[in-house]
Protein backbone atom coordinates (compact mmCIF):
# COMPACT_ATOMS: atom_id res chain seq x y z
CA MET A 1 25.76 21.25 2.80
CA LYS A 2 23.89 22.79 -0.21
CA ILE A 3 22.45 20.40 -2.69
CA LEU A 4 20.78 20.78 -6.03
CA VAL A 5 18.59 18.00 -7.28
CA ILE A 6 17.47 17.64 -10.82
CA GLY A 7 14.09 16.23 -10.15
CA PRO A 8 11.85 13.81 -12.26
CA SER A 9 9.22 15.17 -14.65
CA TRP A 10 6.26 12.91 -13.57
CA VAL A 11 4.03 13.26 -10.60
CA GLY A 12 4.61 9.66 -9.19
CA ASP A 13 8.21 9.81 -9.67
CA MET A 14 8.46 13.11 -7.87
CA MET A 15 6.68 11.65 -4.94
CA MET A 16 8.91 8.71 -4.69
CA SER A 17 11.99 11.09 -4.68
CA GLN A 18 11.00 12.42 -1.31
CA SER A 19 12.76 9.33 0.18
CA LEU A 20 16.00 10.65 -1.14
CA TYR A 21 15.40 14.07 0.50
CA ARG A 22 14.42 12.50 3.84
CA LEU A 23 17.71 10.46 3.74
CA LEU A 24 19.77 13.51 2.85
CA ILE A 25 18.40 15.35 5.75
CA GLN A 26 19.23 12.31 7.96
CA ARG A 27 22.85 12.22 6.76
CA TYR A 28 23.39 16.00 6.46
CA PRO A 29 21.28 17.62 9.35
CA GLY A 30 20.60 21.31 8.25
CA ALA A 31 21.39 20.64 4.68
CA GLN A 32 19.73 23.02 2.11
CA ILE A 33 18.06 20.88 -0.59
CA ASP A 34 16.75 22.65 -3.59
CA VAL A 35 15.02 20.79 -6.35
CA ILE A 36 14.44 21.91 -9.92
CA ALA A 37 11.13 20.57 -11.25
CA PRO A 38 8.56 21.22 -13.95
CA PRO A 39 5.63 23.50 -12.85
CA TRP A 40 3.04 20.65 -12.41
CA CYS A 41 5.42 19.02 -9.89
CA ARG A 42 6.36 22.10 -7.81
CA LEU A 43 3.25 21.94 -5.65
CA LEU A 44 4.30 18.60 -4.38
CA LEU A 45 7.66 19.84 -3.38
CA SER A 46 6.23 22.65 -1.46
CA ARG A 47 4.54 20.01 0.83
CA MET A 48 7.69 18.30 1.50
CA PRO A 49 9.47 19.79 4.64
CA GLU A 50 12.79 18.43 3.52
CA VAL A 51 12.94 20.66 0.47
CA ASN A 52 14.34 24.27 0.90
CA GLN A 53 13.10 25.68 -2.40
CA ALA A 54 11.46 24.20 -5.63
CA LEU A 55 13.07 25.81 -8.61
CA LEU A 56 11.22 26.09 -11.88
CA MET A 57 12.43 23.94 -14.78
CA PRO A 58 11.11 26.30 -17.61
CA PHE A 59 11.43 23.78 -20.51
CA ASP A 60 8.81 21.39 -21.91
CA HIS A 61 9.43 17.78 -21.17
CA GLY A 62 11.60 16.22 -23.88
CA ILE A 63 12.87 19.63 -25.29
CA LEU A 64 16.69 20.14 -25.31
CA ALA A 65 16.68 24.05 -25.40
CA LEU A 66 20.50 24.00 -25.12
CA LYS A 67 21.00 27.77 -24.96
CA LYS A 68 18.36 28.36 -22.40
CA ARG A 69 19.71 25.54 -20.19
CA TRP A 70 23.13 27.19 -20.56
CA ARG A 71 21.69 30.42 -19.40
CA LEU A 72 19.78 28.90 -16.39
CA GLY A 73 23.04 27.10 -15.58
CA GLN A 74 24.97 30.29 -15.62
CA SER A 75 22.59 31.83 -13.23
CA LEU A 76 23.26 29.07 -10.64
CA ARG A 77 27.02 29.28 -10.96
CA TYR A 78 27.58 31.37 -7.73
CA THR A 79 24.78 30.08 -5.57
CA GLY A 80 27.06 27.77 -3.62
CA TYR A 81 25.89 24.39 -4.42
CA GLN A 82 28.46 21.69 -3.54
CA GLN A 83 26.67 18.78 -4.94
CA ALA A 84 24.11 18.02 -7.67
CA LEU A 85 22.08 14.69 -7.82
CA VAL A 86 20.64 14.00 -11.15
CA LEU A 87 17.69 11.75 -11.02
CA PRO A 88 16.52 11.35 -14.68
CA HIS A 89 18.89 9.29 -16.84
CA SER A 90 18.72 11.68 -19.92
CA PHE A 91 21.60 13.52 -21.56
CA LYS A 92 19.69 16.92 -21.21
CA SER A 93 19.00 16.46 -17.42
CA ALA A 94 22.86 16.47 -16.82
CA LEU A 95 23.44 19.60 -18.65
CA LEU A 96 22.25 22.11 -15.95
CA PRO A 97 24.60 21.16 -13.07
CA PHE A 98 27.49 20.98 -15.69
CA PHE A 99 26.73 24.55 -16.80
CA ALA A 100 26.41 25.66 -13.25
CA ASN A 101 29.82 24.31 -12.43
CA ILE A 102 28.71 22.33 -9.35
CA PRO A 103 31.75 20.54 -8.16
CA HIS A 104 30.21 17.17 -7.35
CA ARG A 105 27.72 15.90 -9.96
CA ILE A 106 26.27 12.49 -9.28
CA GLY A 107 23.87 10.22 -11.28
CA TRP A 108 23.25 6.64 -12.63
CA ARG A 109 24.85 5.93 -16.07
CA GLY A 110 22.43 7.07 -18.75
CA GLU A 111 22.54 8.40 -22.29
CA MET A 112 25.84 10.23 -23.15
CA ARG A 113 26.56 11.72 -19.72
CA TYR A 114 30.34 11.12 -19.55
CA GLY A 115 32.08 14.42 -18.74
CA LEU A 116 28.74 16.08 -17.66
CA LEU A 117 28.67 14.06 -14.41
CA ASN A 118 31.83 13.34 -12.62
CA GLU A 119 30.53 10.55 -10.41
CA ILE A 120 28.66 8.09 -12.82
CA ARG A 121 27.32 4.95 -11.05
CA ILE A 122 26.39 1.78 -12.83
CA LEU A 123 23.04 0.51 -11.71
CA ASN A 124 22.78 -3.08 -10.45
CA GLU A 125 18.93 -3.51 -10.96
CA LYS A 126 18.81 -6.66 -8.87
CA ALA A 127 20.57 -4.86 -5.86
CA PHE A 128 18.15 -1.88 -6.23
CA PRO A 129 14.87 -3.32 -7.37
CA LEU A 130 12.58 -0.45 -6.71
CA MET A 131 12.78 3.01 -8.35
CA VAL A 132 12.57 4.59 -4.96
CA HIS A 133 15.71 2.54 -3.86
CA ARG A 134 17.57 3.86 -7.04
CA TYR A 135 16.74 7.51 -6.04
CA ALA A 136 17.57 7.04 -2.36
CA ALA A 137 21.07 5.49 -3.19
CA LEU A 138 22.31 8.63 -4.54
CA ALA A 139 22.15 10.05 -0.90
CA PHE A 140 25.13 7.81 0.18
CA ASN A 141 28.58 6.87 -0.98
CA HIS A 142 28.40 4.04 -3.57
CA LYS A 143 30.64 2.03 -1.34
CA THR A 144 28.47 2.28 1.60
CA ILE A 145 25.15 1.41 0.13
CA ARG A 146 25.72 -1.53 -2.39
CA SER A 147 22.14 -2.73 -2.19
CA ALA A 148 18.68 -1.95 -0.94
CA ALA A 149 19.53 -4.11 2.10
CA ASP A 150 22.11 -1.57 3.19
CA PHE A 151 19.76 1.37 3.73
CA PRO A 152 19.16 2.67 7.27
CA THR A 153 16.12 1.17 8.86
CA PRO A 154 13.24 2.12 9.01
CA PHE A 155 13.44 3.23 5.31
CA PRO A 156 11.74 6.65 5.09
CA TRP A 157 8.82 6.35 2.63
CA PRO A 158 7.25 9.53 1.01
CA ARG A 159 4.82 11.14 3.32
CA LEU A 160 2.63 14.29 2.78
CA THR A 161 0.60 16.00 5.47
CA ILE A 162 -2.58 17.92 5.05
CA ASN A 163 -4.32 19.90 7.90
CA SER A 164 -7.99 19.68 8.55
CA THR A 165 -8.74 23.29 7.92
CA GLU A 166 -7.64 23.03 4.30
CA VAL A 167 -9.52 19.84 3.87
CA ASN A 168 -12.77 21.40 5.13
CA GLU A 169 -12.22 24.43 3.00
CA THR A 170 -11.65 22.46 -0.10
CA LEU A 171 -14.60 20.04 0.49
CA ASN A 172 -16.76 23.19 0.82
CA VAL A 173 -15.41 24.56 -2.47
CA PHE A 174 -16.52 21.53 -4.35
CA LEU A 175 -19.77 21.02 -2.40
CA LEU A 176 -18.66 17.54 -1.00
CA LYS A 177 -19.85 18.09 2.54
CA SER A 178 -22.19 15.25 3.20
CA THR A 179 -22.83 12.46 5.82
CA ARG A 180 -21.66 9.88 3.19
CA PRO A 181 -17.92 9.30 3.42
CA ILE A 182 -15.88 9.50 0.16
CA ILE A 183 -14.18 6.82 -1.92
CA GLY A 184 -11.81 8.32 -4.47
CA PHE A 185 -11.33 6.81 -7.92
CA CYS A 186 -7.95 7.68 -9.77
CA HIS A 187 -9.12 6.36 -13.08
CA GLY A 188 -6.69 7.95 -15.41
CA ALA A 189 -2.99 7.43 -16.32
CA ALA A 190 -0.32 9.38 -18.25
CA PHE A 191 0.11 6.59 -20.81
CA GLY A 192 -3.52 6.18 -21.98
CA LEU A 193 -6.04 3.33 -21.72
CA LYS A 194 -3.49 0.63 -21.62
CA LYS A 195 -2.82 1.36 -17.96
CA CYS A 196 -6.43 1.99 -16.92
CA TRP A 197 -8.93 -0.36 -15.43
CA PRO A 198 -11.96 -0.28 -17.75
CA HIS A 199 -14.61 2.41 -17.02
CA TYR A 200 -17.47 -0.19 -16.97
CA HIS A 201 -15.65 -1.97 -14.06
CA TYR A 202 -15.39 1.24 -12.26
CA SER A 203 -19.09 1.91 -12.70
CA ALA A 204 -19.91 -1.40 -11.41
CA LEU A 205 -17.78 -0.86 -8.38
CA ALA A 206 -19.24 2.69 -7.93
CA LYS A 207 -22.75 1.04 -7.83
CA ILE A 208 -21.76 -1.32 -5.13
CA LEU A 209 -20.18 1.36 -2.86
CA ILE A 210 -23.03 3.79 -3.31
CA SER A 211 -25.54 1.17 -2.24
CA ARG A 212 -23.47 0.82 0.94
CA GLY A 213 -23.62 4.55 1.71
CA TYR A 214 -20.59 6.01 0.13
CA GLN A 215 -20.18 8.78 -2.38
CA ILE A 216 -17.65 8.53 -5.22
CA VAL A 217 -15.32 11.37 -6.39
CA LEU A 218 -13.23 10.75 -9.55
CA PHE A 219 -9.91 12.43 -9.73
CA GLY A 220 -7.77 13.01 -12.82
CA SER A 221 -6.72 15.52 -15.46
CA VAL A 222 -8.57 17.08 -18.35
CA ARG A 223 -7.76 14.29 -20.55
CA ASP A 224 -9.44 11.86 -18.14
CA GLN A 225 -12.72 13.74 -18.23
CA PRO A 226 -14.37 11.49 -20.97
CA ILE A 227 -13.66 8.32 -19.06
CA GLY A 228 -14.94 10.04 -15.88
CA GLU A 229 -18.17 10.87 -17.66
CA ALA A 230 -18.57 7.35 -18.91
CA ILE A 231 -18.24 6.06 -15.40
CA SER A 232 -20.83 8.29 -14.13
CA ALA A 233 -23.19 7.81 -17.19
CA ALA A 234 -23.29 4.03 -16.66
CA LEU A 235 -24.94 4.59 -13.28
CA LEU A 236 -28.65 4.72 -12.58
CA PRO A 237 -29.95 8.28 -12.26
CA ASN A 238 -30.43 8.09 -8.57
CA ASP A 239 -26.90 6.75 -7.95
CA ARG A 240 -25.43 9.42 -10.18
CA ARG A 241 -26.17 12.04 -7.56
CA TYR A 242 -23.42 10.44 -5.50
CA CYS A 243 -20.67 10.34 -8.18
CA ARG A 244 -18.73 13.57 -8.90
CA ASN A 245 -16.44 13.66 -11.80
CA LEU A 246 -13.69 16.25 -10.80
CA SER A 247 -11.29 15.25 -13.57
CA GLY A 248 -9.71 18.46 -14.91
CA LYS A 249 -11.83 20.50 -12.55
CA THR A 250 -9.29 20.74 -9.71
CA SER A 251 -5.61 22.04 -9.33
CA LEU A 252 -3.19 19.37 -8.41
CA GLU A 253 -3.05 21.01 -4.92
CA GLN A 254 -6.83 20.62 -4.60
CA ALA A 255 -6.65 16.97 -5.80
CA VAL A 256 -4.04 16.33 -3.08
CA ILE A 257 -6.27 17.74 -0.37
CA LEU A 258 -9.37 16.09 -1.51
CA ILE A 259 -7.56 12.62 -1.77
CA ALA A 260 -6.51 13.24 1.86
CA ALA A 261 -10.19 13.51 2.64
CA CYS A 262 -11.25 10.13 1.21
CA GLN A 263 -11.80 7.21 3.40
CA GLY A 264 -10.51 4.92 0.68
CA ILE A 265 -8.94 5.15 -2.98
CA VAL A 266 -9.10 2.79 -5.82
CA SER A 267 -6.43 3.60 -8.46
CA ASN A 268 -4.76 2.71 -11.67
CA ASP A 269 -0.81 2.74 -11.57
CA SER A 270 -0.60 6.57 -11.82
CA GLY A 271 0.85 9.58 -10.24
CA LEU A 272 -2.19 10.12 -8.17
CA MET A 273 -1.81 6.62 -6.73
CA HIS A 274 1.72 7.65 -5.37
CA VAL A 275 -0.01 10.78 -3.86
CA ALA A 276 -2.55 8.73 -2.13
CA SER A 277 0.17 6.36 -0.97
CA ALA A 278 2.17 9.34 0.56
CA LEU A 279 -1.03 10.50 2.22
CA ASP A 280 -1.23 6.97 3.85
CA ARG A 281 -4.80 6.47 2.50
CA PRO A 282 -6.45 2.99 2.47
CA LEU A 283 -5.66 2.16 -1.11
CA VAL A 284 -6.42 -0.61 -3.76
CA VAL A 285 -4.04 -0.33 -6.77
CA LEU A 286 -4.78 -2.13 -10.15
CA TYR A 287 -1.80 -3.10 -12.15
CA GLY A 288 -1.68 -4.56 -15.57
CA VAL A 289 1.19 -4.12 -17.92
CA THR A 290 3.23 -2.16 -15.45
CA SER A 291 5.06 -3.85 -12.50
CA PRO A 292 4.15 -3.53 -8.83
CA TYR A 293 7.62 -4.82 -8.10
CA PHE A 294 9.23 -1.47 -9.49
CA THR A 295 6.94 1.18 -8.43
CA PRO A 296 4.59 -0.17 -5.62
CA PRO A 297 2.51 1.95 -3.37
CA LEU A 298 4.79 2.73 -0.44
CA THR A 299 2.21 2.36 2.37
CA HIS A 300 1.14 -0.63 4.60
CA GLN A 301 -2.41 0.69 3.91
CA ALA A 302 -2.32 -0.71 0.33
CA ARG A 303 -3.52 -3.75 -1.46
CA VAL A 304 -2.32 -4.62 -5.02
CA ILE A 305 -4.15 -6.68 -7.60
CA HIS A 306 -2.03 -7.80 -10.38
CA LEU A 307 -2.90 -10.75 -12.67
CA VAL A 308 0.04 -10.63 -15.18
CA ARG A 309 2.26 -13.51 -15.11
CA GLY A 310 5.66 -13.40 -16.76
CA ASP A 311 7.38 -10.22 -18.08
CA CYS A 312 5.06 -7.82 -19.85
CA LYS A 313 6.78 -4.61 -21.08
CA MET A 314 5.05 -1.20 -21.66
CA ARG A 315 6.64 -1.18 -25.14
CA GLN A 316 4.66 -4.35 -26.07
CA VAL A 317 1.43 -2.46 -25.76
CA ALA A 318 2.69 1.02 -26.78
CA ALA A 319 0.38 1.17 -29.80
CA GLU A 320 -2.75 0.00 -28.04
CA GLN A 321 -5.38 2.64 -27.29
CA THR A 322 -7.72 0.21 -25.69
CA TYR A 323 -7.97 -1.48 -22.35
CA HIS A 324 -5.56 -4.10 -21.80
CA GLN A 325 -6.63 -7.71 -21.24
CA SER A 326 -4.54 -7.95 -17.88
CA LEU A 327 -6.86 -5.09 -16.45
CA ILE A 328 -10.18 -6.20 -18.09
CA ALA A 329 -9.60 -9.49 -16.22
CA ILE A 330 -9.57 -7.71 -12.76
CA GLN A 331 -13.26 -7.98 -11.56
CA PRO A 332 -15.03 -5.49 -9.36
CA ALA A 333 -15.79 -8.27 -6.66
CA GLN A 334 -12.06 -8.64 -6.25
CA VAL A 335 -11.57 -4.93 -5.65
CA ILE A 336 -14.47 -4.97 -3.11
CA ASN A 337 -12.94 -7.87 -1.24
CA GLU A 338 -9.57 -6.06 -1.00
CA LEU A 339 -11.38 -2.83 0.07
CA GLU A 340 -13.09 -4.74 2.90
CA THR A 341 -9.81 -5.76 4.33
CA LEU A 342 -8.83 -2.03 4.66
CA LEU A 343 -12.27 -0.74 5.60
CA PRO A 344 -14.16 -3.12 7.66
CA SER A 345 -17.25 -0.83 7.66
CA LEU A 346 -17.71 -1.85 4.03
CA LYS A 347 -18.77 -5.24 4.90
CA LYS A 348 -22.10 -3.78 6.10
CA GLU A 349 -24.51 -1.98 3.89
CA ASN A 350 -25.05 1.51 5.10
CA THR A 351 -28.60 2.89 5.06
CA CYS A 352 -27.34 6.54 4.54
CA THR A 353 -29.52 8.44 2.20
CA SER A 354 -28.04 11.88 2.33
């Protein structure tokens, strides 16, 4: 079986899609799974043993580029794909397998996809409450898997593996070798401040962790650098020595390796949170306006803090460029309490000074 998957465009979604690939391999041993993805996600696919090849989606997110999509589809016409699974719900995402004339093209009902897909499924959101369930269901006949309760057990969560050699090499590159264990902060989010725990709370948490013998490493993209600097700037000069802002200074691959080296992670609801989850790191995730009931961390090593009650949609805060009250309300003491359940060594102050 040769399968083409039209992958998601976001890091977190791409991580969650690994459950689909793992289920496909279980169902079709020896299947060749190729995934087409934007350049920033291809690194993740290269670390998923179920994926044969990560093909480049050469179009910017949100751009139709109809003629270019037609040409790319034509180039895939004679590659032998028997099935295409389209994970995004957009019209443009269904064009490529149609142009490639792949015989069986499957996806959930989305915008104007009739004719482009020849197996359109109607989503029952209550039957498949998690995004990872919705991806995974596409591995099966829709009559076989009618709800998340029908999946084979144990359900295969996303998992990435990193070897010790690359961890040590990357720690050396960023001069992070130390007797102090690392707690990573993933303080950014693709949708801006409304999904972020306030920098002053991160600073207060960093101060406590540094006093207990840890060093802090801040992970994120270039756009997260200013918040990272604000977290560091709020610390006393002596504490600042143990807080490194690597936002925008690592490649995604380096960030993945360094997250694997962390003893624990504190994160907003973000793509890097799903990376930490797939690395099975002890993890505290701070949710505000987004829902932990739709895209939770998929690991038993996670604790979720979510104070919102009722239905709070992202569109309700789309215009906000400030911290949301639901995240401001989460106090550093609550995060420390959750971290202590994952890292018992946190309960005792460490006298480490190096």
